[in-house]
Amino acid sequence: MSKIFEIVIALYSAGILLPIALFLIRFLKSKVKNQKLQVLATYAEQAVVYAESKTTGSEAKYNEAVSYLTSLIKNSGLKLNVPDEQMKALIEEAVLLLKNKI
């Protein structure tokens, strides 16, 4: 344990500790953000599949997908704030991905 403490003191004295800490913070933030985007993409696919099975007509399907996606986000506990434009983009991307899978 004392070796680790000595290394930290040496890095701090050399002025290297702060840049390393800032790099690690940025890295962790981007990793968390990417994971949240992946969760949103998965939710959007689920919402599109749900809307396809429940309604007919493109506008009705879109509205159903938005409604279902909103409920998935609220119930996820992730405390995500998704603007309308991003919600639309997520659903459109999910539609394209699902069409390409078929």
PDB file of N, CA and C in Angstrom:
ATOM      1  N   MET A   1       0.825  -1.194   0.000  1.00  0.00           N
ATOM      2  CA  MET A   1       0.000   0.000   0.000  1.00  0.00           C
ATOM      3  C   MET A   1       0.866   1.254   0.000  1.00  0.00           C
ATOM      4  N   SER A   2       1.973   1.217   0.707  1.00  0.00           N
ATOM      5  CA  SER A   2       2.836   2.396   0.771  1.00  0.00           C
ATOM      6  C   SER A   2       3.489   2.671  -0.583  1.00  0.00           C
ATOM      7  N   LYS A   3       3.738   1.607  -1.383  1.00  0.00           N
ATOM      8  CA  LYS A   3       4.304   1.799  -2.722  1.00  0.00           C
ATOM      9  C   LYS A   3       3.349   2.586  -3.611  1.00  0.00           C
ATOM     10  N   ILE A   4       2.070   2.255  -3.521  1.00  0.00           N
ATOM     11  CA  ILE A   4       1.059   2.964  -4.313  1.00  0.00           C
ATOM     12  C   ILE A   4       1.022   4.427  -3.902  1.00  0.00           C
ATOM     13  N   PHE A   5       1.069   4.672  -2.618  1.00  0.00           N
ATOM     14  CA  PHE A   5       1.055   6.041  -2.103  1.00  0.00           C
ATOM     15  C   PHE A   5       2.277   6.802  -2.602  1.00  0.00           C
ATOM     16  N   GLU A   6       3.430   6.159  -2.597  1.00  0.00           N
ATOM     17  CA  GLU A   6       4.660   6.788  -3.084  1.00  0.00           C
ATOM     18  C   GLU A   6       4.555   7.120  -4.573  1.00  0.00           C
ATOM     19  N   ILE A   7       3.972   6.227  -5.335  1.00  0.00           N
ATOM     20  CA  ILE A   7       3.801   6.462  -6.768  1.00  0.00           C
ATOM     21  C   ILE A   7       2.877   7.647  -7.011  1.00  0.00           C
ATOM     22  N   VAL A   8       1.772   7.703  -6.265  1.00  0.00           N
ATOM     23  CA  VAL A   8       0.824   8.812  -6.401  1.00  0.00           C
ATOM     24  C   VAL A   8       1.500  10.135  -6.049  1.00  0.00           C
ATOM     25  N   ILE A   9       2.279  10.164  -4.978  1.00  0.00           N
ATOM     26  CA  ILE A   9       3.000  11.378  -4.582  1.00  0.00           C
ATOM     27  C   ILE A   9       4.001  11.781  -5.662  1.00  0.00           C
ATOM     28  N   ALA A  10       4.703  10.804  -6.229  1.00  0.00           N
ATOM     29  CA  ALA A  10       5.676  11.099  -7.280  1.00  0.00           C
ATOM     30  C   ALA A  10       4.987  11.672  -8.515  1.00  0.00           C
ATOM     31  N   LEU A  11       3.863  11.079  -8.898  1.00  0.00           N
ATOM     32  CA  LEU A  11       3.107  11.585 -10.053  1.00  0.00           C
ATOM     33  C   LEU A  11       2.589  12.990  -9.791  1.00  0.00           C
ATOM     34  N   TYR A  12       2.122  13.228  -8.568  1.00  0.00           N
ATOM     35  CA  TYR A  12       1.612  14.552  -8.201  1.00  0.00           C
ATOM     36  C   TYR A  12       2.743  15.578  -8.241  1.00  0.00           C
ATOM     37  N   SER A  13       3.891  15.212  -7.696  1.00  0.00           N
ATOM     38  CA  SER A  13       5.039  16.119  -7.658  1.00  0.00           C
ATOM     39  C   SER A  13       5.527  16.460  -9.064  1.00  0.00           C
ATOM     40  N   ALA A  14       5.443  15.499  -9.938  1.00  0.00           N
ATOM     41  CA  ALA A  14       5.899  15.718 -11.313  1.00  0.00           C
ATOM     42  C   ALA A  14       4.857  16.449 -12.167  1.00  0.00           C
ATOM     43  N   GLY A  15       3.669  16.660 -11.624  1.00  0.00           N
ATOM     44  CA  GLY A  15       2.626  17.353 -12.372  1.00  0.00           C
ATOM     45  C   GLY A  15       1.916  16.462 -13.375  1.00  0.00           C
ATOM     46  N   ILE A  16       2.048  15.178 -13.218  1.00  0.00           N
ATOM     47  CA  ILE A  16       1.456  14.229 -14.149  1.00  0.00           C
ATOM     48  C   ILE A  16       0.105  13.720 -13.661  1.00  0.00           C
ATOM     49  N   LEU A  17      -0.126  13.769 -12.379  1.00  0.00           N
ATOM     50  CA  LEU A  17      -1.342  13.181 -11.810  1.00  0.00           C
ATOM     51  C   LEU A  17      -2.613  13.845 -12.338  1.00  0.00           C
ATOM     52  N   LEU A  18      -2.633  15.162 -12.421  1.00  0.00           N
ATOM     53  CA  LEU A  18      -3.838  15.863 -12.870  1.00  0.00           C
ATOM     54  C   LEU A  18      -4.212  15.511 -14.313  1.00  0.00           C
ATOM     55  N   PRO A  19      -3.277  15.539 -15.270  1.00  0.00           N
ATOM     56  CA  PRO A  19      -3.651  15.136 -16.632  1.00  0.00           C
ATOM     57  C   PRO A  19      -4.147  13.689 -16.721  1.00  0.00           C
ATOM     58  N   ILE A  20      -3.537  12.803 -15.944  1.00  0.00           N
ATOM     59  CA  ILE A  20      -3.982  11.406 -15.935  1.00  0.00           C
ATOM     60  C   ILE A  20      -5.400  11.315 -15.383  1.00  0.00           C
ATOM     61  N   ALA A  21      -5.654  12.031 -14.296  1.00  0.00           N
ATOM     62  CA  ALA A  21      -6.999  12.022 -13.697  1.00  0.00           C
ATOM     63  C   ALA A  21      -8.026  12.588 -14.669  1.00  0.00           C
ATOM     64  N   LEU A  22      -7.699  13.686 -15.349  1.00  0.00           N
ATOM     65  CA  LEU A  22      -8.635  14.276 -16.314  1.00  0.00           C
ATOM     66  C   LEU A  22      -8.910  13.315 -17.470  1.00  0.00           C
ATOM     67  N   PHE A  23      -7.875  12.632 -17.943  1.00  0.00           N
ATOM     68  CA  PHE A  23      -8.064  11.654 -19.013  1.00  0.00           C
ATOM     69  C   PHE A  23      -8.995  10.534 -18.558  1.00  0.00           C
ATOM     70  N   LEU A  24      -8.772  10.023 -17.363  1.00  0.00           N
ATOM     71  CA  LEU A  24      -9.609   8.938 -16.852  1.00  0.00           C
ATOM     72  C   LEU A  24     -11.059   9.378 -16.673  1.00  0.00           C
ATOM     73  N   ILE A  25     -11.273  10.587 -16.204  1.00  0.00           N
ATOM     74  CA  ILE A  25     -12.637  11.106 -16.030  1.00  0.00           C
ATOM     75  C   ILE A  25     -13.335  11.218 -17.381  1.00  0.00           C
ATOM     76  N   ARG A  26     -12.644  11.775 -18.379  1.00  0.00           N
ATOM     77  CA  ARG A  26     -13.242  11.894 -19.721  1.00  0.00           C
ATOM     78  C   ARG A  26     -13.542  10.522 -20.318  1.00  0.00           C
ATOM     79  N   PHE A  27     -12.620   9.597 -20.139  1.00  0.00           N
ATOM     80  CA  PHE A  27     -12.810   8.247 -20.656  1.00  0.00           C
ATOM     81  C   PHE A  27     -14.031   7.592 -20.028  1.00  0.00           C
ATOM     82  N   LEU A  28     -14.155   7.686 -18.720  1.00  0.00           N
ATOM     83  CA  LEU A  28     -15.287   7.063 -18.024  1.00  0.00           C
ATOM     84  C   LEU A  28     -16.612   7.719 -18.413  1.00  0.00           C
ATOM     85  N   LYS A  29     -16.614   9.038 -18.567  1.00  0.00           N
ATOM     86  CA  LYS A  29     -17.838   9.726 -18.985  1.00  0.00           C
ATOM     87  C   LYS A  29     -18.271   9.268 -20.376  1.00  0.00           C
ATOM     88  N   SER A  30     -17.325   9.146 -21.298  1.00  0.00           N
ATOM     89  CA  SER A  30     -17.682   8.728 -22.656  1.00  0.00           C
ATOM     90  C   SER A  30     -18.165   7.282 -22.663  1.00  0.00           C
ATOM     91  N   LYS A  31     -17.579   6.441 -21.827  1.00  0.00           N
ATOM     92  CA  LYS A  31     -17.998   5.045 -21.756  1.00  0.00           C
ATOM     93  C   LYS A  31     -19.431   4.939 -21.232  1.00  0.00           C
ATOM     94  N   VAL A  32     -19.752   5.718 -20.206  1.00  0.00           N
ATOM     95  CA  VAL A  32     -21.110   5.718 -19.657  1.00  0.00           C
ATOM     96  C   VAL A  32     -22.095   6.256 -20.687  1.00  0.00           C
ATOM     97  N   LYS A  33     -21.709   7.322 -21.391  1.00  0.00           N
ATOM     98  CA  LYS A  33     -22.593   7.899 -22.409  1.00  0.00           C
ATOM     99  C   LYS A  33     -22.851   6.898 -23.532  1.00  0.00           C
ATOM    100  N   ASN A  34     -21.810   6.186 -23.966  1.00  0.00           N
ATOM    101  CA  ASN A  34     -21.978   5.184 -25.019  1.00  0.00           C
ATOM    102  C   ASN A  34     -22.900   4.059 -24.570  1.00  0.00           C
ATOM    103  N   GLN A  35     -22.772   3.642 -23.326  1.00  0.00           N
ATOM    104  CA  GLN A  35     -23.640   2.587 -22.805  1.00  0.00           C
ATOM    105  C   GLN A  35     -25.093   3.052 -22.782  1.00  0.00           C
ATOM    106  N   LYS A  36     -25.326   4.302 -22.402  1.00  0.00           N
ATOM    107  CA  LYS A  36     -26.697   4.837 -22.385  1.00  0.00           C
ATOM    108  C   LYS A  36     -27.269   4.902 -23.799  1.00  0.00           C
ATOM    109  N   LEU A  37     -26.443   5.289 -24.770  1.00  0.00           N
ATOM    110  CA  LEU A  37     -26.910   5.333 -26.157  1.00  0.00           C
ATOM    111  C   LEU A  37     -27.244   3.938 -26.671  1.00  0.00           C
ATOM    112  N   GLN A  38     -26.461   2.955 -26.270  1.00  0.00           N
ATOM    113  CA  GLN A  38     -26.757   1.580 -26.667  1.00  0.00           C
ATOM    114  C   GLN A  38     -28.067   1.103 -26.059  1.00  0.00           C
ATOM    115  N   VAL A  39     -28.305   1.475 -24.806  1.00  0.00           N
ATOM    116  CA  VAL A  39     -29.572   1.118 -24.151  1.00  0.00           C
ATOM    117  C   VAL A  39     -30.728   1.783 -24.888  1.00  0.00           C
ATOM    118  N   LEU A  40     -30.579   3.053 -25.236  1.00  0.00           N
ATOM    119  CA  LEU A  40     -31.639   3.760 -25.958  1.00  0.00           C
ATOM    120  C   LEU A  40     -31.909   3.114 -27.322  1.00  0.00           C
ATOM    121  N   ALA A  41     -30.864   2.709 -28.012  1.00  0.00           N
ATOM    122  CA  ALA A  41     -31.045   2.060 -29.317  1.00  0.00           C
ATOM    123  C   ALA A  41     -31.799   0.740 -29.165  1.00  0.00           C
ATOM    124  N   THR A  42     -31.480  -0.011 -28.140  1.00  0.00           N
ATOM    125  CA  THR A  42     -32.179  -1.269 -27.873  1.00  0.00           C
ATOM    126  C   THR A  42     -33.640  -1.010 -27.544  1.00  0.00           C
ATOM    127  N   TYR A  43     -33.897  -0.014 -26.705  1.00  0.00           N
ATOM    128  CA  TYR A  43     -35.276   0.349 -26.370  1.00  0.00           C
ATOM    129  C   TYR A  43     -36.049   0.776 -27.614  1.00  0.00           C
ATOM    130  N   ALA A  44     -35.390   1.535 -28.501  1.00  0.00           N
ATOM    131  CA  ALA A  44     -36.056   1.992 -29.724  1.00  0.00           C
ATOM    132  C   ALA A  44     -36.441   0.802 -30.603  1.00  0.00           C
ATOM    133  N   GLU A  45     -35.562  -0.185 -30.710  1.00  0.00           N
ATOM    134  CA  GLU A  45     -35.896  -1.381 -31.491  1.00  0.00           C
ATOM    135  C   GLU A  45     -37.091  -2.104 -30.878  1.00  0.00           C
ATOM    136  N   GLN A  46     -37.104  -2.223 -29.556  1.00  0.00           N
ATOM    137  CA  GLN A  46     -38.230  -2.864 -28.889  1.00  0.00           C
ATOM    138  C   GLN A  46     -39.523  -2.090 -29.142  1.00  0.00           C
ATOM    139  N   ALA A  47     -39.433  -0.768 -29.116  1.00  0.00           N
ATOM    140  CA  ALA A  47     -40.617   0.067 -29.329  1.00  0.00           C
ATOM    141  C   ALA A  47     -41.152  -0.084 -30.750  1.00  0.00           C
ATOM    142  N   VAL A  48     -40.260  -0.159 -31.723  1.00  0.00           N
ATOM    143  CA  VAL A  48     -40.687  -0.316 -33.117  1.00  0.00           C
ATOM    144  C   VAL A  48     -41.341  -1.675 -33.322  1.00  0.00           C
ATOM    145  N   VAL A  49     -40.751  -2.722 -32.781  1.00  0.00           N
ATOM    146  CA  VAL A  49     -41.335  -4.062 -32.898  1.00  0.00           C
ATOM    147  C   VAL A  49     -42.714  -4.087 -32.230  1.00  0.00           C
ATOM    148  N   TYR A  50     -42.822  -3.465 -31.077  1.00  0.00           N
ATOM    149  CA  TYR A  50     -44.104  -3.407 -30.368  1.00  0.00           C
ATOM    150  C   TYR A  50     -45.145  -2.662 -31.211  1.00  0.00           C
ATOM    151  N   ALA A  51     -44.754  -1.508 -31.748  1.00  0.00           N
ATOM    152  CA  ALA A  51     -45.690  -0.703 -32.545  1.00  0.00           C
ATOM    153  C   ALA A  51     -46.124  -1.431 -33.807  1.00  0.00           C
ATOM    154  N   GLU A  52     -45.213  -2.169 -34.419  1.00  0.00           N
ATOM    155  CA  GLU A  52     -45.543  -2.944 -35.622  1.00  0.00           C
ATOM    156  C   GLU A  52     -46.629  -3.977 -35.328  1.00  0.00           C
ATOM    157  N   SER A  53     -46.585  -4.548 -34.143  1.00  0.00           N
ATOM    158  CA  SER A  53     -47.545  -5.607 -33.819  1.00  0.00           C
ATOM    159  C   SER A  53     -48.882  -5.073 -33.298  1.00  0.00           C
ATOM    160  N   LYS A  54     -48.916  -3.818 -32.866  1.00  0.00           N
ATOM    161  CA  LYS A  54     -50.123  -3.290 -32.229  1.00  0.00           C
ATOM    162  C   LYS A  54     -50.968  -2.373 -33.091  1.00  0.00           C
ATOM    163  N   THR A  55     -50.378  -1.740 -34.083  1.00  0.00           N
ATOM    164  CA  THR A  55     -51.126  -0.734 -34.860  1.00  0.00           C
ATOM    165  C   THR A  55     -50.875  -0.892 -36.349  1.00  0.00           C
ATOM    166  N   THR A  56     -51.674  -0.171 -37.123  1.00  0.00           N
ATOM    167  CA  THR A  56     -51.481  -0.105 -38.571  1.00  0.00           C
ATOM    168  C   THR A  56     -51.379   1.360 -38.972  1.00  0.00           C
ATOM    169  N   GLY A  57     -50.766   1.623 -40.081  1.00  0.00           N
ATOM    170  CA  GLY A  57     -50.585   2.998 -40.541  1.00  0.00           C
ATOM    171  C   GLY A  57     -49.299   3.562 -39.969  1.00  0.00           C
ATOM    172  N   SER A  58     -48.537   4.234 -40.813  1.00  0.00           N
ATOM    173  CA  SER A  58     -47.213   4.682 -40.404  1.00  0.00           C
ATOM    174  C   SER A  58     -47.242   5.710 -39.272  1.00  0.00           C
ATOM    175  N   GLU A  59     -48.186   6.648 -39.322  1.00  0.00           N
ATOM    176  CA  GLU A  59     -48.247   7.663 -38.261  1.00  0.00           C
ATOM    177  C   GLU A  59     -48.669   7.046 -36.930  1.00  0.00           C
ATOM    178  N   ALA A  60     -49.620   6.142 -36.973  1.00  0.00           N
ATOM    179  CA  ALA A  60     -50.060   5.468 -35.750  1.00  0.00           C
ATOM    180  C   ALA A  60     -48.935   4.618 -35.171  1.00  0.00           C
ATOM    181  N   LYS A  61     -48.200   3.942 -36.045  1.00  0.00           N
ATOM    182  CA  LYS A  61     -47.073   3.134 -35.583  1.00  0.00           C
ATOM    183  C   LYS A  61     -46.003   4.016 -34.947  1.00  0.00           C
ATOM    184  N   TYR A  62     -45.726   5.158 -35.585  1.00  0.00           N
ATOM    185  CA  TYR A  62     -44.727   6.077 -35.046  1.00  0.00           C
ATOM    186  C   TYR A  62     -45.152   6.566 -33.668  1.00  0.00           C
ATOM    187  N   ASN A  63     -46.403   7.011 -33.551  1.00  0.00           N
ATOM    188  CA  ASN A  63     -46.895   7.506 -32.260  1.00  0.00           C
ATOM    189  C   ASN A  63     -46.859   6.423 -31.186  1.00  0.00           C
ATOM    190  N   GLU A  64     -47.209   5.204 -31.563  1.00  0.00           N
ATOM    191  CA  GLU A  64     -47.169   4.085 -30.615  1.00  0.00           C
ATOM    192  C   GLU A  64     -45.730   3.788 -30.197  1.00  0.00           C
ATOM    193  N   ALA A  65     -44.814   3.852 -31.156  1.00  0.00           N
ATOM    194  CA  ALA A  65     -43.400   3.615 -30.848  1.00  0.00           C
ATOM    195  C   ALA A  65     -42.864   4.685 -29.908  1.00  0.00           C
ATOM    196  N   VAL A  66     -43.222   5.936 -30.149  1.00  0.00           N
ATOM    197  CA  VAL A  66     -42.791   7.028 -29.264  1.00  0.00           C
ATOM    198  C   VAL A  66     -43.347   6.819 -27.865  1.00  0.00           C
ATOM    199  N   SER A  67     -44.614   6.482 -27.784  1.00  0.00           N
ATOM    200  CA  SER A  67     -45.252   6.264 -26.486  1.00  0.00           C
ATOM    201  C   SER A  67     -44.586   5.120 -25.722  1.00  0.00           C
ATOM    202  N   TYR A  68     -44.342   4.023 -26.421  1.00  0.00           N
ATOM    203  CA  TYR A  68     -43.727   2.860 -25.777  1.00  0.00           C
ATOM    204  C   TYR A  68     -42.279   3.142 -25.394  1.00  0.00           C
ATOM    205  N   LEU A  69     -41.553   3.818 -26.274  1.00  0.00           N
ATOM    206  CA  LEU A  69     -40.165   4.173 -25.969  1.00  0.00           C
ATOM    207  C   LEU A  69     -40.099   5.097 -24.758  1.00  0.00           C
ATOM    208  N   THR A  70     -41.003   6.045 -24.692  1.00  0.00           N
ATOM    209  CA  THR A  70     -41.059   6.949 -23.543  1.00  0.00           C
ATOM    210  C   THR A  70     -41.301   6.177 -22.252  1.00  0.00           C
ATOM    211  N   SER A  71     -42.207   5.213 -22.304  1.00  0.00           N
ATOM    212  CA  SER A  71     -42.488   4.434 -21.091  1.00  0.00           C
ATOM    213  C   SER A  71     -41.292   3.559 -20.710  1.00  0.00           C
ATOM    214  N   LEU A  72     -40.596   2.998 -21.695  1.00  0.00           N
ATOM    215  CA  LEU A  72     -39.399   2.205 -21.398  1.00  0.00           C
ATOM    216  C   LEU A  72     -38.326   3.060 -20.725  1.00  0.00           C
ATOM    217  N   ILE A  73     -38.149   4.267 -21.228  1.00  0.00           N
ATOM    218  CA  ILE A  73     -37.139   5.169 -20.663  1.00  0.00           C
ATOM    219  C   ILE A  73     -37.511   5.551 -19.232  1.00  0.00           C
ATOM    220  N   LYS A  74     -38.770   5.902 -19.022  1.00  0.00           N
ATOM    221  CA  LYS A  74     -39.208   6.297 -17.676  1.00  0.00           C
ATOM    222  C   LYS A  74     -39.080   5.154 -16.676  1.00  0.00           C
ATOM    223  N   ASN A  75     -39.378   3.937 -17.119  1.00  0.00           N
ATOM    224  CA  ASN A  75     -39.333   2.788 -16.220  1.00  0.00           C
ATOM    225  C   ASN A  75     -37.933   2.198 -16.053  1.00  0.00           C
ATOM    226  N   SER A  76     -36.976   2.696 -16.821  1.00  0.00           N
ATOM    227  CA  SER A  76     -35.624   2.126 -16.778  1.00  0.00           C
ATOM    228  C   SER A  76     -34.868   2.516 -15.511  1.00  0.00           C
ATOM    229  N   GLY A  77     -35.207   3.640 -14.948  1.00  0.00           N
ATOM    230  CA  GLY A  77     -34.479   4.118 -13.781  1.00  0.00           C
ATOM    231  C   GLY A  77     -33.168   4.802 -14.132  1.00  0.00           C
ATOM    232  N   LEU A  78     -32.901   5.006 -15.415  1.00  0.00           N
ATOM    233  CA  LEU A  78     -31.642   5.620 -15.840  1.00  0.00           C
ATOM    234  C   LEU A  78     -31.671   7.152 -15.801  1.00  0.00           C
ATOM    235  N   LYS A  79     -32.832   7.724 -15.590  1.00  0.00           N
ATOM    236  CA  LYS A  79     -32.990   9.180 -15.536  1.00  0.00           C
ATOM    237  C   LYS A  79     -32.434   9.851 -16.792  1.00  0.00           C
ATOM    238  N   LEU A  80     -32.903   9.375 -17.934  1.00  0.00           N
ATOM    239  CA  LEU A  80     -32.468   9.918 -19.216  1.00  0.00           C
ATOM    240  C   LEU A  80     -33.440  10.979 -19.694  1.00  0.00           C
ATOM    241  N   ASN A  81     -32.907  12.061 -20.223  1.00  0.00           N
ATOM    242  CA  ASN A  81     -33.724  13.109 -20.812  1.00  0.00           C
ATOM    243  C   ASN A  81     -33.488  13.069 -22.319  1.00  0.00           C
ATOM    244  N   VAL A  82     -34.490  12.585 -23.051  1.00  0.00           N
ATOM    245  CA  VAL A  82     -34.340  12.411 -24.496  1.00  0.00           C
ATOM    246  C   VAL A  82     -35.215  13.433 -25.209  1.00  0.00           C
ATOM    247  N   PRO A  83     -34.595  14.379 -25.930  1.00  0.00           N
ATOM    248  CA  PRO A  83     -35.375  15.370 -26.685  1.00  0.00           C
ATOM    249  C   PRO A  83     -36.175  14.696 -27.803  1.00  0.00           C
ATOM    250  N   ASP A  84     -37.215  15.373 -28.249  1.00  0.00           N
ATOM    251  CA  ASP A  84     -38.092  14.834 -29.295  1.00  0.00           C
ATOM    252  C   ASP A  84     -37.319  14.474 -30.567  1.00  0.00           C
ATOM    253  N   GLU A  85     -36.380  15.323 -30.968  1.00  0.00           N
ATOM    254  CA  GLU A  85     -35.614  15.063 -32.186  1.00  0.00           C
ATOM    255  C   GLU A  85     -34.772  13.796 -32.053  1.00  0.00           C
ATOM    256  N   GLN A  86     -34.188  13.588 -30.877  1.00  0.00           N
ATOM    257  CA  GLN A  86     -33.401  12.380 -30.672  1.00  0.00           C
ATOM    258  C   GLN A  86     -34.303  11.154 -30.622  1.00  0.00           C
ATOM    259  N   MET A  87     -35.494  11.312 -30.039  1.00  0.00           N
ATOM    260  CA  MET A  87     -36.456  10.216 -29.991  1.00  0.00           C
ATOM    261  C   MET A  87     -36.832   9.798 -31.417  1.00  0.00           C
ATOM    262  N   LYS A  88     -37.095  10.790 -32.264  1.00  0.00           N
ATOM    263  CA  LYS A  88     -37.448  10.502 -33.660  1.00  0.00           C
ATOM    264  C   LYS A  88     -36.289   9.810 -34.381  1.00  0.00           C
ATOM    265  N   ALA A  89     -35.066  10.296 -34.157  1.00  0.00           N
ATOM    266  CA  ALA A  89     -33.899   9.696 -34.802  1.00  0.00           C
ATOM    267  C   ALA A  89     -33.685   8.259 -34.334  1.00  0.00           C
ATOM    268  N   LEU A  90     -33.889   8.004 -33.055  1.00  0.00           N
ATOM    269  CA  LEU A  90     -33.740   6.646 -32.530  1.00  0.00           C
ATOM    270  C   LEU A  90     -34.742   5.691 -33.173  1.00  0.00           C
ATOM    271  N   ILE A  91     -35.976   6.145 -33.308  1.00  0.00           N
ATOM    272  CA  ILE A  91     -37.013   5.298 -33.888  1.00  0.00           C
ATOM    273  C   ILE A  91     -36.745   5.062 -35.376  1.00  0.00           C
ATOM    274  N   GLU A  92     -36.360   6.102 -36.092  1.00  0.00           N
ATOM    275  CA  GLU A  92     -36.059   5.941 -37.519  1.00  0.00           C
ATOM    276  C   GLU A  92     -34.876   4.999 -37.731  1.00  0.00           C
ATOM    277  N   GLU A  93     -33.864   5.119 -36.885  1.00  0.00           N
ATOM    278  CA  GLU A  93     -32.713   4.221 -36.988  1.00  0.00           C
ATOM    279  C   GLU A  93     -33.129   2.777 -36.702  1.00  0.00           C
ATOM    280  N   ALA A  94     -33.984   2.599 -35.700  1.00  0.00           N
ATOM    281  CA  ALA A  94     -34.452   1.253 -35.358  1.00  0.00           C
ATOM    282  C   ALA A  94     -35.245   0.644 -36.514  1.00  0.00           C
ATOM    283  N   VAL A  95     -36.070   1.458 -37.164  1.00  0.00           N
ATOM    284  CA  VAL A  95     -36.851   0.975 -38.310  1.00  0.00           C
ATOM    285  C   VAL A  95     -35.906   0.508 -39.420  1.00  0.00           C
ATOM    286  N   LEU A  96     -34.891   1.323 -39.725  1.00  0.00           N
ATOM    287  CA  LEU A  96     -33.943   0.945 -40.771  1.00  0.00           C
ATOM    288  C   LEU A  96     -33.162  -0.312 -40.397  1.00  0.00           C
ATOM    289  N   LEU A  97     -32.743  -0.420 -39.168  1.00  0.00           N
ATOM    290  CA  LEU A  97     -32.004  -1.609 -38.737  1.00  0.00           C
ATOM    291  C   LEU A  97     -32.868  -2.864 -38.827  1.00  0.00           C
ATOM    292  N   LEU A  98     -34.123  -2.735 -38.410  1.00  0.00           N
ATOM    293  CA  LEU A  98     -35.004  -3.895 -38.459  1.00  0.00           C
ATOM    294  C   LEU A  98     -35.343  -4.290 -39.892  1.00  0.00           C
ATOM    295  N   LYS A  99     -35.480  -3.319 -40.792  1.00  0.00           N
ATOM    296  CA  LYS A  99     -35.751  -3.628 -42.194  1.00  0.00           C
ATOM    297  C   LYS A  99     -34.554  -4.346 -42.826  1.00  0.00           C
ATOM    298  N   ASN A 100     -33.353  -3.946 -42.439  1.00  0.00           N
ATOM    299  CA  ASN A 100     -32.152  -4.584 -42.988  1.00  0.00           C
ATOM    300  C   ASN A 100     -31.923  -5.982 -42.434  1.00  0.00           C
ATOM    301  N   LYS A 101     -32.478  -6.289 -41.262  1.00  0.00           N
ATOM    302  CA  LYS A 101     -32.341  -7.605 -40.672  1.00  0.00           C
ATOM    303  C   LYS A 101     -33.230  -8.633 -41.361  1.00  0.00           C
ATOM    304  N   ILE A 102     -34.322  -8.158 -41.920  1.00  0.00           N
ATOM    305  CA  ILE A 102     -35.296  -9.067 -42.534  1.00  0.00           C
ATOM    306  C   ILE A 102     -34.812  -9.586 -43.857  1.00  0.00           C
TER     307      ILE A 102
END
